[in-house]
Protein backbone atom coordinates (compact mmCIF):
# COMPACT_ATOMS: atom_id res chain seq x y z
CA MET A 1 9.38 -15.69 1.39
CA LYS A 2 10.42 -12.69 -0.31
CA PRO A 3 11.36 -9.76 2.21
CA LYS A 4 8.13 -7.87 0.83
CA GLU A 5 5.73 -10.47 0.97
CA LEU A 6 6.78 -10.59 4.54
CA LEU A 7 6.23 -7.40 5.78
CA MET A 8 2.93 -7.44 3.99
CA LYS A 9 1.89 -10.69 5.96
CA ALA A 10 3.00 -9.17 8.82
CA SER A 11 1.12 -5.98 8.22
CA ASN A 12 -1.93 -8.10 7.58
CA THR A 13 -1.81 -9.49 10.91
CA LEU A 14 -2.08 -6.31 12.16
CA SER A 15 -4.80 -5.53 9.83
CA ILE A 16 -6.62 -8.53 11.38
CA VAL A 17 -6.04 -7.58 14.78
CA SER A 18 -7.26 -4.03 14.49
CA ASN A 19 -10.42 -4.67 12.57
CA ARG A 20 -11.19 -7.18 15.92
CA ILE A 21 -10.96 -4.60 18.03
CA GLU A 22 -12.97 -1.84 16.08
CA SER A 23 -15.67 -4.96 15.01
CA LYS A 24 -15.88 -6.11 18.65
CA VAL A 25 -15.28 -3.26 21.17
CA LEU A 26 -14.77 -0.21 19.84
CA ASN A 27 -18.41 -0.45 18.01
CA GLN A 28 -19.86 -1.18 21.45
CA SER A 29 -18.75 1.93 22.74
CA THR A 30 -22.18 3.30 23.86
CA LYS A 31 -22.54 0.21 26.72
CA LEU A 32 -18.84 0.29 27.71
CA LYS A 33 -17.25 3.26 30.07
CA PRO A 34 -14.99 5.82 28.72
CA GLU A 35 -11.94 4.42 30.35
CA ILE A 36 -12.75 0.89 28.61
CA ILE A 37 -13.16 2.91 25.21
CA SER A 38 -9.76 4.74 25.43
CA ILE A 39 -7.81 1.88 26.50
CA SER A 40 -8.75 -0.41 23.45
CA SER A 41 -8.86 2.82 21.22
CA ARG A 42 -5.17 3.57 22.11
CA LEU A 43 -4.00 -0.19 21.99
CA ASN A 44 -5.56 -0.04 18.43
CA GLU A 45 -3.92 3.13 17.50
CA LEU A 46 -0.72 1.87 18.29
CA ILE A 47 -1.42 -1.74 16.38
CA THR A 48 -2.16 1.01 13.47
CA TYR A 49 1.49 2.93 13.86
CA ILE A 50 3.42 -0.48 14.00
CA ASN A 51 0.81 -1.52 10.39
CA GLY A 52 2.49 1.72 9.17
CA ILE A 53 5.90 1.22 10.18
CA LEU A 54 6.02 -2.21 8.56
CA ARG A 55 4.35 -0.95 5.11
CA SER A 56 6.51 2.18 4.77
CA ILE A 57 9.55 0.12 5.24
CA SER A 58 7.61 -2.31 2.53
CA GLU A 59 7.58 0.26 0.11
CA ARG A 60 11.04 1.65 0.85
CA ILE A 61 12.89 -1.91 0.51
CA GLY A 62 13.28 -3.00 -3.37
CA ASP A 63 11.89 -6.10 -5.04
CA GLU A 64 15.14 -7.61 -5.84
CA THR A 65 15.91 -7.77 -1.72
CA ASP A 66 17.24 -11.06 -0.69
CA VAL A 67 15.82 -13.35 1.60
CA ASP A 68 19.24 -13.43 4.18
CA SER A 69 19.81 -9.62 4.22
CA VAL A 70 20.21 -7.08 6.15
CA VAL A 71 18.64 -3.51 4.86
CA ASP A 72 20.32 -0.18 6.47
CA PHE A 73 18.01 2.93 7.18
CA GLY A 74 20.91 4.89 8.45
CA LYS A 75 22.78 4.92 11.93
CA TYR A 76 21.65 2.68 14.48
CA PHE A 77 18.59 1.79 12.48
CA TYR A 78 18.31 -1.63 10.07
CA ILE A 79 15.74 -4.56 9.50
CA VAL A 80 17.61 -7.93 9.01
CA PHE A 81 15.73 -10.53 6.93
CA HIS A 82 16.64 -14.66 7.40
CA LYS A 83 14.03 -17.29 5.59
CA ASP A 84 10.21 -16.48 7.34
CA ARG A 85 11.42 -14.01 9.61
CA PHE A 86 12.62 -10.62 9.99
CA VAL A 87 13.90 -8.32 12.94
CA LEU A 88 13.70 -4.54 12.77
CA ILE A 89 16.19 -3.18 15.43
CA ARG A 90 16.64 0.38 16.61
CA ASN A 91 19.81 0.41 18.65
CA LYS A 92 20.23 4.20 20.02
CA PRO A 93 19.35 5.84 22.10
CA LYS A 94 16.50 2.80 23.40
CA TYR A 95 17.42 -0.51 22.39
CA ILE A 96 13.82 -1.57 20.50
CA ILE A 97 12.94 -4.43 18.27
CA ILE A 98 9.99 -5.69 15.87
CA SER A 99 10.52 -8.92 14.93
CA TYR A 100 7.94 -10.95 13.00
CA ASP A 101 7.44 -15.23 12.81
CA SER A 102 5.60 -16.16 9.89
CA GLY A 103 5.21 -19.75 11.07
CA LYS A 104 3.61 -18.66 14.40
CA ASP A 105 2.12 -15.61 12.78
CA GLU A 106 3.39 -13.28 15.99
CA ILE A 107 4.58 -9.62 16.11
CA HIS A 108 6.86 -9.03 18.79
CA VAL A 109 7.91 -5.54 19.99
CA LYS A 110 10.95 -5.75 22.74
CA SER A 111 12.86 -3.38 24.49
CA ARG A 112 14.74 -3.39 27.75
CA LYS A 113 12.02 -3.78 30.24
CA LEU A 114 8.98 -4.48 27.64
CA SER A 115 7.63 -7.43 25.92
CA VAL A 116 4.61 -7.53 24.00
CA LYS A 117 3.46 -10.34 21.63
CA ILE A 118 0.53 -9.67 19.26
CA SER A 119 -1.23 -12.21 17.11
CA THR A 120 -4.74 -12.62 15.41
CA ALA A 121 -5.97 -14.59 18.70
CA SER A 122 -4.14 -12.89 21.64
CA LEU A 123 -2.03 -10.26 22.89
CA GLU A 124 0.22 -10.69 25.72
CA ALA A 125 2.68 -8.37 27.29
CA SER A 126 4.61 -7.83 30.04
CA LEU A 127 6.44 -5.18 31.49
CA LEU A 128 8.81 -5.45 34.79
CA THR A 129 6.85 -8.13 36.97
CA ILE A 130 3.31 -7.08 35.34
CA LYS A 131 1.92 -9.74 32.52
CA VAL A 132 -0.99 -9.35 31.11
CA SER A 133 -2.94 -11.86 28.54
CA ILE A 134 -5.73 -10.69 26.48
CA ASP A 135 -7.64 -11.49 23.78
CA PRO A 136 -8.07 -8.30 21.51
CA GLY A 137 -11.87 -8.34 20.59
CA ASN A 138 -13.21 -9.59 23.83
CA ILE A 139 -14.58 -6.50 25.87
CA GLU A 140 -14.41 -8.69 29.29
CA ASP A 141 -10.70 -8.79 29.20
CA TYR A 142 -10.53 -5.19 28.89
CA ILE A 143 -12.43 -4.56 31.76
CA ASN A 144 -10.93 -7.31 34.08
CA LYS A 145 -7.51 -6.55 33.04
CA PHE A 146 -7.67 -2.72 32.99
CA ASN A 147 -5.33 -1.47 35.88
CA GLU A 148 -2.45 -4.11 34.26
CA LEU A 149 -3.23 -3.18 30.88
CA ARG A 150 -2.94 0.95 31.68
CA TYR A 151 0.09 0.55 33.08
CA ILE A 152 1.80 -1.66 30.24
CA MET A 153 0.03 0.60 27.56
CA LYS A 154 1.90 4.09 29.02
CA SER A 155 5.25 2.12 28.19
CA PHE A 156 4.38 0.37 25.09
CA GLY A 157 3.04 3.77 23.91
CA LYS A 158 5.94 5.69 24.47
CA ILE A 159 8.17 3.14 22.69
CA ILE A 160 6.11 3.16 19.18
CA GLU A 161 4.85 6.94 19.48
CA TYR A 162 8.09 8.57 21.01
CA TYR A 163 10.82 6.15 19.54
CA MET A 164 9.72 4.07 16.37
CA LEU A 165 7.53 6.53 14.73
CA PRO A 166 9.34 9.46 14.49
CA LEU A 167 12.40 7.64 13.63
CA THR A 168 11.23 6.06 10.95
CA GLU A 169 9.24 8.59 9.76
CA LYS A 170 12.27 10.68 9.35
CA ARG A 171 14.52 7.97 8.06
CA LEU A 172 12.44 6.58 5.50
CA ARG A 173 10.57 9.99 4.86
CA ALA A 174 7.23 8.29 5.10
CA SER A 175 4.21 9.79 6.81
CA ILE A 176 2.80 7.49 9.18
CA LYS A 177 0.04 9.09 11.08
């Protein structure tokens, strides 16, 4: 699979998850507590940001990019393609990885203390000793696991919004927000 196709497939997976959150959770906003709406919309926003990062990278790389290649976007920021996978790496000042395996159709976001796995059917996240697994389209999961989600979403939001998003916008000269 070509690198552009791989990035678009990962982007489509994130779009499906985002649409599930919007249609099954956020459309029920009149029946839900404000905290639940807030946490689900924040998750949707972060998934949309990751989607924007992947789309801007796919626009930046050329069609002639090899399947087994490394594309450098400047110091400490690059993407590695290998067969049906890619790994987007930011080394400094925070070590952050966004990876995708098309065989499993899962996006992983990892840092030193945080690990988030996003697939169309589930979202699994862990931060230090707190672990949570939810179905992004199930309202009950947001209600039952609210405290764990809130704790993890703070770190997840910082990693994406304060470290990956500005770097991507600066290096790729793209507007994602």
